[in-house]
């Protein structure tokens, strides 16, 4: 069950999108003012969980089937769909849909194996469906999983445009699932994100379109347009699963909605981030255009680091060397996330 704010039900309910979402003002933007109140979202999620009963697992639902766990994760693309709609380019959102699901399984220590998608549309369109399918195929290839089917629903009275979501199944031996709890003295190893990923897009869109349209030139290197920078697909982290297991990782965090506060899923400790990856230019662009505070940016976005693992300090360097990661901090007694002079 997603707690990722912008990755869930927001996608179909954000209203029209003509490429200029913003309010054109200079006031400081927050995620809540843009339309997504994380506290309210978490309260609603807690109410739903309370109504259906407890489930085992945080990032994924785990079902004990003997010597193994069957794990399930479900998530969507969120309001990134509105950027795709404005640009008329749906070719990458399938990658995001798969990434948001498989990354949650990896954070639990589970190997993703199969994926089903759910595409809900206002009106069927062959070109759009083909582009969505191309993205799903590329995402499945990157994640090394099988696409085993899906569903397309035409619901003109419910959906405006389209919504894309999916469910991923995974398997893990009972002794391979991460405990999920860090310990004081652990090192934190991090891996870079590819950009904004598929979270916080309501804030990012509102900020980016205060003074720009999606088709406007992007003021930094790397992309031609503002919309292209926002559409950069989410990185898929399934290649990390073997190194994470081999080096005895206690728990991992997929840095999604809620930004760096996701580390709190690893237990009530103080997470000191001393060497985070640099934030890509898209974050600087969003922050400047929306006059967004440093704290709000780090509570909403990954800010350059998309995945973090807690591991015994003696094994951290070996884990980093076995992948493209690096040691970014440590765990100590307390209750906060300390990063770039902030206490979250």
Protein backbone atom coordinates (compact mmCIF):
# COMPACT_ATOMS: atom_id res chain seq x y z
CA UNK A 1 0.00 0.00 0.00
CA UNK A 2 1.58 3.22 -1.10
CA UNK A 3 2.42 5.99 1.31
CA UNK A 4 4.07 7.92 -1.46
CA UNK A 5 1.69 10.86 -1.64
CA UNK A 6 1.96 11.81 -5.28
CA UNK A 7 2.28 8.25 -6.54
CA UNK A 8 -1.22 7.14 -5.68
CA UNK A 9 -4.71 8.51 -6.21
CA UNK A 10 -3.58 12.00 -7.21
CA UNK A 11 -3.03 11.06 -10.85
CA UNK A 12 -6.63 11.04 -11.99
CA UNK A 13 -7.88 13.90 -9.86
CA UNK A 14 -5.56 16.80 -10.61
CA UNK A 15 -7.77 18.55 -13.08
CA UNK A 16 -6.87 19.93 -16.48
CA UNK A 17 -3.35 20.56 -17.70
CA UNK A 18 -2.54 23.05 -20.43
CA UNK A 19 1.18 23.14 -19.74
CA UNK A 20 0.94 26.00 -17.22
CA UNK A 21 -0.10 24.68 -13.81
CA UNK A 22 1.33 27.37 -11.59
CA UNK A 23 -0.03 30.43 -9.86
CA UNK A 24 2.63 32.78 -11.29
CA UNK A 25 3.26 34.22 -7.81
CA UNK A 26 6.42 34.53 -5.80
CA UNK A 27 5.10 33.02 -2.57
CA UNK A 28 6.95 30.08 -1.09
CA UNK A 29 5.41 26.84 -2.33
CA UNK A 30 4.84 23.72 -0.24
CA UNK A 31 3.66 20.27 -1.23
CA UNK A 32 0.43 20.75 0.71
CA UNK A 33 -0.30 24.09 -0.96
CA UNK A 34 0.29 22.45 -4.33
CA UNK A 35 -2.41 19.91 -3.57
CA UNK A 36 -0.83 16.98 -1.68
CA UNK A 37 -0.93 17.05 2.13
CA UNK A 38 1.39 14.23 3.25
CA UNK A 39 0.04 14.25 6.82
CA UNK A 40 -3.53 13.92 5.58
CA UNK A 41 -2.46 11.20 3.14
CA UNK A 42 -0.75 9.21 5.89
CA UNK A 43 -3.80 9.56 8.14
CA UNK A 44 -6.07 8.30 5.36
CA UNK A 45 -3.70 5.39 4.66
CA UNK A 46 -3.65 4.49 8.35
CA UNK A 47 -7.45 4.51 8.41
CA UNK A 48 -7.57 2.15 5.43
CA UNK A 49 -5.01 -0.21 6.97
CA UNK A 50 -6.94 -0.18 10.22
CA UNK A 51 -10.13 -1.13 8.41
CA UNK A 52 -8.65 -4.08 6.50
CA UNK A 53 -6.40 -5.41 9.26
CA UNK A 54 -2.66 -5.50 9.71
CA UNK A 55 -0.43 -6.73 6.92
CA UNK A 56 3.12 -7.99 7.21
CA UNK A 57 5.76 -5.87 5.55
CA UNK A 58 6.31 -2.17 4.98
CA UNK A 59 7.30 -1.58 1.37
CA UNK A 60 5.61 -4.80 0.25
CA UNK A 61 2.91 -7.11 1.52
CA UNK A 62 4.42 -10.45 2.52
CA UNK A 63 2.58 -13.77 2.52
CA UNK A 64 4.27 -16.74 4.18
CA UNK A 65 4.01 -19.73 1.83
CA UNK A 66 6.28 -22.12 3.69
CA UNK A 67 9.99 -21.74 3.06
CA UNK A 68 9.44 -18.56 1.08
CA UNK A 69 7.51 -15.33 1.07
CA UNK A 70 5.26 -14.26 -1.76
CA UNK A 71 5.46 -10.46 -1.87
CA UNK A 72 3.15 -8.01 -3.58
CA UNK A 73 3.56 -4.29 -4.21
CA UNK A 74 1.18 -1.95 -6.00
CA UNK A 75 1.68 1.63 -7.11
CA UNK A 76 1.07 4.08 -9.92
CA UNK A 77 2.74 6.90 -11.79
CA UNK A 78 0.98 9.86 -10.15
CA UNK A 79 0.67 13.30 -11.69
CA UNK A 80 3.73 12.74 -13.85
CA UNK A 81 1.02 11.58 -16.26
CA UNK A 82 -0.05 15.20 -16.68
CA UNK A 83 3.41 16.16 -17.92
CA UNK A 84 3.28 13.27 -20.39
CA UNK A 85 -0.14 14.43 -21.53
CA UNK A 86 1.01 18.01 -22.03
CA UNK A 87 3.99 16.86 -24.14
CA UNK A 88 2.04 14.13 -25.94
CA UNK A 89 4.75 11.64 -24.94
CA UNK A 90 3.71 8.57 -22.93
CA UNK A 91 6.73 6.46 -23.92
CA UNK A 92 8.49 6.56 -20.53
CA UNK A 93 5.71 6.39 -17.95
CA UNK A 94 5.60 2.59 -18.15
CA UNK A 95 9.18 2.55 -16.87
CA UNK A 96 8.09 4.68 -13.91
CA UNK A 97 5.16 2.40 -13.17
CA UNK A 98 7.35 -0.68 -13.00
CA UNK A 99 10.13 1.14 -11.12
CA UNK A 100 7.89 2.37 -8.33
CA UNK A 101 6.77 -1.20 -7.69
CA UNK A 102 9.97 -3.20 -8.10
CA UNK A 103 12.02 -0.72 -6.06
CA UNK A 104 9.68 -1.24 -3.11
CA UNK A 105 10.21 -5.01 -3.36
CA UNK A 106 13.99 -4.57 -3.48
CA UNK A 107 13.79 -2.40 -0.35
CA UNK A 108 12.17 -5.35 1.40
CA UNK A 109 14.82 -7.81 0.20
CA UNK A 110 12.51 -9.48 -2.30
CA UNK A 111 13.32 -10.39 -5.91
CA UNK A 112 10.63 -9.08 -8.31
CA UNK A 113 9.47 -11.69 -10.80
CA UNK A 114 6.22 -10.65 -12.51
CA UNK A 115 4.13 -7.57 -13.20
CA UNK A 116 0.54 -6.82 -14.22
CA UNK A 117 -0.58 -3.36 -15.31
CA UNK A 118 -3.89 -1.53 -15.12
CA UNK A 119 -4.54 1.21 -17.66
CA UNK A 120 -7.73 3.23 -17.18
CA UNK A 121 -8.64 5.65 -19.95
CA UNK A 122 -11.28 8.20 -20.77
CA UNK A 123 -11.12 7.35 -24.47
CA UNK A 124 -9.10 4.52 -26.06
CA UNK A 125 -6.24 5.72 -28.26
CA UNK A 126 -3.99 3.30 -30.15
CA UNK A 127 -0.98 5.59 -30.23
CA UNK A 128 -1.12 6.34 -26.51
CA UNK A 129 -1.60 2.66 -25.65
CA UNK A 130 1.35 1.70 -27.85
CA UNK A 131 3.59 4.25 -26.15
CA UNK A 132 2.52 3.08 -22.68
CA UNK A 133 3.22 -0.50 -23.73
CA UNK A 134 6.67 0.43 -25.02
CA UNK A 135 7.54 1.94 -21.65
CA UNK A 136 6.26 -1.09 -19.77
CA UNK A 137 8.35 -3.36 -21.98
CA UNK A 138 11.49 -1.28 -21.42
CA UNK A 139 10.84 -1.16 -17.69
CA UNK A 140 10.35 -4.91 -17.47
CA UNK A 141 13.59 -5.46 -19.36
CA UNK A 142 15.51 -3.16 -17.00
CA UNK A 143 13.97 -4.83 -13.96
CA UNK A 144 14.47 -8.35 -15.35
CA UNK A 145 10.85 -9.34 -14.73
CA UNK A 146 8.03 -10.78 -16.81
CA UNK A 147 4.94 -8.89 -17.93
CA UNK A 148 2.21 -11.45 -17.41
CA UNK A 149 -0.87 -9.54 -18.47
CA UNK A 150 -2.91 -6.54 -17.54
CA UNK A 151 -6.21 -4.74 -17.91
CA UNK A 152 -7.41 -1.75 -19.90
CA UNK A 153 -10.61 -0.10 -18.71
CA UNK A 154 -12.55 2.58 -20.57
CA UNK A 155 -14.29 4.76 -17.97
CA UNK A 156 -15.26 8.16 -19.42
CA UNK A 157 -17.29 9.18 -16.37
CA UNK A 158 -14.51 8.33 -13.92
CA UNK A 159 -11.19 9.07 -15.65
CA UNK A 160 -10.00 12.26 -17.33
CA UNK A 161 -7.22 11.34 -19.73
CA UNK A 162 -5.69 8.19 -18.31
CA UNK A 163 -4.28 6.59 -15.19
CA UNK A 164 -1.62 3.89 -15.09
CA UNK A 165 -0.93 1.61 -12.15
CA UNK A 166 0.34 -1.90 -11.62
CA UNK A 167 1.12 -4.70 -9.23
CA UNK A 168 4.41 -6.56 -8.94
CA UNK A 169 4.88 -10.02 -7.45
CA UNK A 170 8.14 -11.20 -5.94
CA UNK A 171 9.61 -14.17 -4.12
CA UNK A 172 12.16 -14.44 -1.34
CA UNK A 173 13.38 -17.14 1.00
CA UNK A 174 12.15 -16.58 4.53
CA UNK A 175 15.72 -15.92 5.71
CA UNK A 176 16.49 -13.51 2.85
CA UNK A 177 13.93 -10.81 3.63
CA UNK A 178 15.54 -7.81 5.29
CA UNK A 179 14.79 -7.26 8.96
CA UNK A 180 14.04 -3.68 8.03
CA UNK A 181 15.46 -2.15 11.22
CA UNK A 182 18.74 -0.26 11.42
CA UNK A 183 20.96 -0.19 14.50
CA UNK A 184 22.97 2.69 15.97
CA UNK A 185 26.51 2.38 14.63
CA UNK A 186 25.36 1.18 11.21
CA UNK A 187 26.69 2.88 8.12
CA UNK A 188 24.34 4.20 5.46
CA UNK A 189 25.17 3.37 1.86
CA UNK A 190 23.36 5.31 -0.85
CA UNK A 191 22.81 5.11 -4.59
CA UNK A 192 22.08 7.98 -6.95
CA UNK A 193 18.65 8.70 -8.35
CA UNK A 194 18.04 9.53 -12.00
CA UNK A 195 16.25 12.75 -11.11
CA UNK A 196 12.84 13.55 -9.68
CA UNK A 197 11.59 9.96 -10.18
CA UNK A 198 7.80 9.67 -9.84
CA UNK A 199 7.11 11.52 -6.60
CA UNK A 200 6.40 15.08 -5.66
CA UNK A 201 5.30 15.92 -9.19
CA UNK A 202 2.38 18.01 -7.98
CA UNK A 203 4.83 20.36 -6.27
CA UNK A 204 7.35 20.12 -9.11
CA UNK A 205 4.75 20.87 -11.78
CA UNK A 206 3.27 23.78 -9.87
CA UNK A 207 6.70 25.31 -9.36
CA UNK A 208 8.00 24.64 -12.87
CA UNK A 209 4.98 26.16 -14.59
CA UNK A 210 4.77 29.36 -12.58
CA UNK A 211 6.75 31.11 -15.29
CA UNK A 212 7.26 28.39 -17.90
CA UNK A 213 5.42 25.95 -20.10
CA UNK A 214 6.51 22.34 -20.43
CA UNK A 215 7.70 22.93 -23.99
CA UNK A 216 9.92 25.87 -22.95
CA UNK A 217 13.69 25.43 -23.19
CA UNK A 218 15.24 23.91 -20.06
CA UNK A 219 17.71 26.41 -18.56
CA UNK A 220 20.35 23.79 -17.69
CA UNK A 221 22.29 21.17 -19.64
CA UNK A 222 20.93 17.69 -20.23
CA UNK A 223 17.41 18.29 -21.53
CA UNK A 224 15.85 20.32 -24.30
CA UNK A 225 12.59 21.23 -22.52
CA UNK A 226 11.25 21.72 -19.00
CA UNK A 227 8.84 18.84 -19.49
CA UNK A 228 11.60 16.48 -20.62
CA UNK A 229 13.50 17.11 -17.37
CA UNK A 230 10.39 16.29 -15.32
CA UNK A 231 9.74 13.12 -17.35
CA UNK A 232 13.18 11.54 -16.76
CA UNK A 233 12.27 7.92 -15.87
CA UNK A 234 12.70 6.56 -12.37
CA UNK A 235 15.84 4.52 -11.85
CA UNK A 236 15.24 0.79 -11.30
CA UNK A 237 17.31 -0.73 -8.47
CA UNK A 238 16.84 -4.48 -8.95
CA UNK A 239 20.54 -4.86 -9.78
CA UNK A 240 21.30 -3.98 -6.16
CA UNK A 241 19.46 -6.95 -4.66
CA UNK A 242 22.34 -9.46 -4.81
CA UNK A 243 24.96 -7.06 -3.35
CA UNK A 244 22.51 -6.00 -0.62
CA UNK A 245 21.97 -9.60 0.42
CA UNK A 246 25.61 -10.65 0.11
CA UNK A 247 26.78 -7.87 2.42
CA UNK A 248 24.23 -8.44 5.16
CA UNK A 249 22.10 -5.32 4.79
CA UNK A 250 19.72 -4.89 7.74
CA UNK A 251 17.20 -2.74 5.92
CA UNK A 252 16.79 -0.43 2.96
CA UNK A 253 14.75 2.62 2.06
CA UNK A 254 13.41 3.55 -1.34
CA UNK A 255 13.46 7.36 -1.19
CA UNK A 256 10.02 8.15 -2.57
CA UNK A 257 7.13 10.36 -1.40
CA UNK A 258 8.09 12.02 1.85
CA UNK A 259 11.67 12.43 0.65
CA UNK A 260 14.38 11.79 3.22
CA UNK A 261 11.88 11.07 5.99
CA UNK A 262 11.58 7.63 4.37
CA UNK A 263 14.65 6.66 6.38
CA UNK A 264 12.44 6.69 9.46
CA UNK A 265 10.95 3.44 8.17
CA UNK A 266 14.21 1.85 9.33
CA UNK A 267 13.42 2.58 12.96
CA UNK A 268 13.44 5.45 15.43
CA UNK A 269 17.04 6.62 15.19
CA UNK A 270 19.01 9.64 14.05
CA UNK A 271 20.17 9.25 10.47
CA UNK A 272 23.16 11.47 9.79
CA UNK A 273 23.77 12.07 6.08
CA UNK A 274 27.27 13.40 5.64
CA UNK A 275 27.90 12.81 1.93
CA UNK A 276 24.66 12.69 -0.09
CA UNK A 277 24.79 12.62 -3.85
CA UNK A 278 24.51 16.03 -5.52
CA UNK A 279 20.97 17.04 -6.39
CA UNK A 280 20.39 17.12 -10.14
CA UNK A 281 19.66 20.45 -11.80
CA UNK A 282 15.93 19.70 -11.98
CA UNK A 283 15.73 20.13 -8.21
CA UNK A 284 17.48 23.50 -8.36
CA UNK A 285 15.07 24.53 -11.11
CA UNK A 286 12.00 23.50 -9.10
CA UNK A 287 13.30 25.14 -5.93
CA UNK A 288 14.09 28.44 -7.64
CA UNK A 289 10.89 28.63 -9.68
CA UNK A 290 8.68 27.72 -6.73
CA UNK A 291 10.64 29.51 -4.02
CA UNK A 292 10.58 26.19 -2.14
CA UNK A 293 12.46 25.93 1.15
CA UNK A 294 15.37 23.54 1.63
CA UNK A 295 13.40 21.63 4.25
CA UNK A 296 10.36 21.25 2.00
CA UNK A 297 12.57 20.04 -0.86
CA UNK A 298 14.14 17.34 1.33
CA UNK A 299 10.76 16.33 2.80
CA UNK A 300 9.32 15.89 -0.69
CA UNK A 301 12.05 14.78 -3.11
CA UNK A 302 15.00 12.37 -3.19
CA UNK A 303 17.36 15.30 -3.89
CA UNK A 304 19.80 13.12 -5.83
CA UNK A 305 19.84 9.93 -3.73
CA UNK A 306 17.19 7.38 -4.63
CA UNK A 307 17.98 4.34 -2.48
CA UNK A 308 19.65 3.91 0.92
CA UNK A 309 20.69 0.80 2.89
CA UNK A 310 21.71 0.36 6.53
CA UNK A 311 24.57 -2.09 7.00
CA UNK A 312 27.23 -2.96 9.55
CA UNK A 313 29.93 -0.30 9.32
CA UNK A 314 32.63 -2.92 8.67
CA UNK A 315 30.83 -4.09 5.53
CA UNK A 316 29.74 -0.75 4.10
CA UNK A 317 32.74 -0.07 1.88
CA UNK A 318 32.57 -3.54 0.35
CA UNK A 319 28.87 -3.05 -0.43
CA UNK A 320 29.57 0.30 -2.04
CA UNK A 321 32.45 -1.16 -4.07
CA UNK A 322 30.23 -4.03 -5.27
CA UNK A 323 27.85 -1.55 -6.88
CA UNK A 324 27.73 2.11 -7.87
CA UNK A 325 27.00 3.19 -4.31
CA UNK A 326 28.99 5.03 -1.67
CA UNK A 327 28.90 5.49 2.09
CA UNK A 328 26.76 8.58 2.71
CA UNK A 329 26.32 8.60 6.48
CA UNK A 330 25.63 6.67 9.66
CA UNK A 331 22.98 5.80 12.22
CA UNK A 332 23.08 6.98 15.82
CA UNK A 333 20.81 7.34 18.83
CA UNK A 334 18.11 9.96 18.41
CA UNK A 335 15.07 10.69 16.31
CA UNK A 336 15.68 12.75 13.15
CA UNK A 337 17.19 12.81 9.69
CA UNK A 338 20.14 15.20 9.55
CA UNK A 339 21.12 16.29 6.06
CA UNK A 340 22.67 19.44 4.58
CA UNK A 341 22.26 21.36 7.83
CA UNK A 342 18.62 20.33 8.24
CA UNK A 343 16.97 18.28 10.98
CA UNK A 344 13.91 16.56 9.46
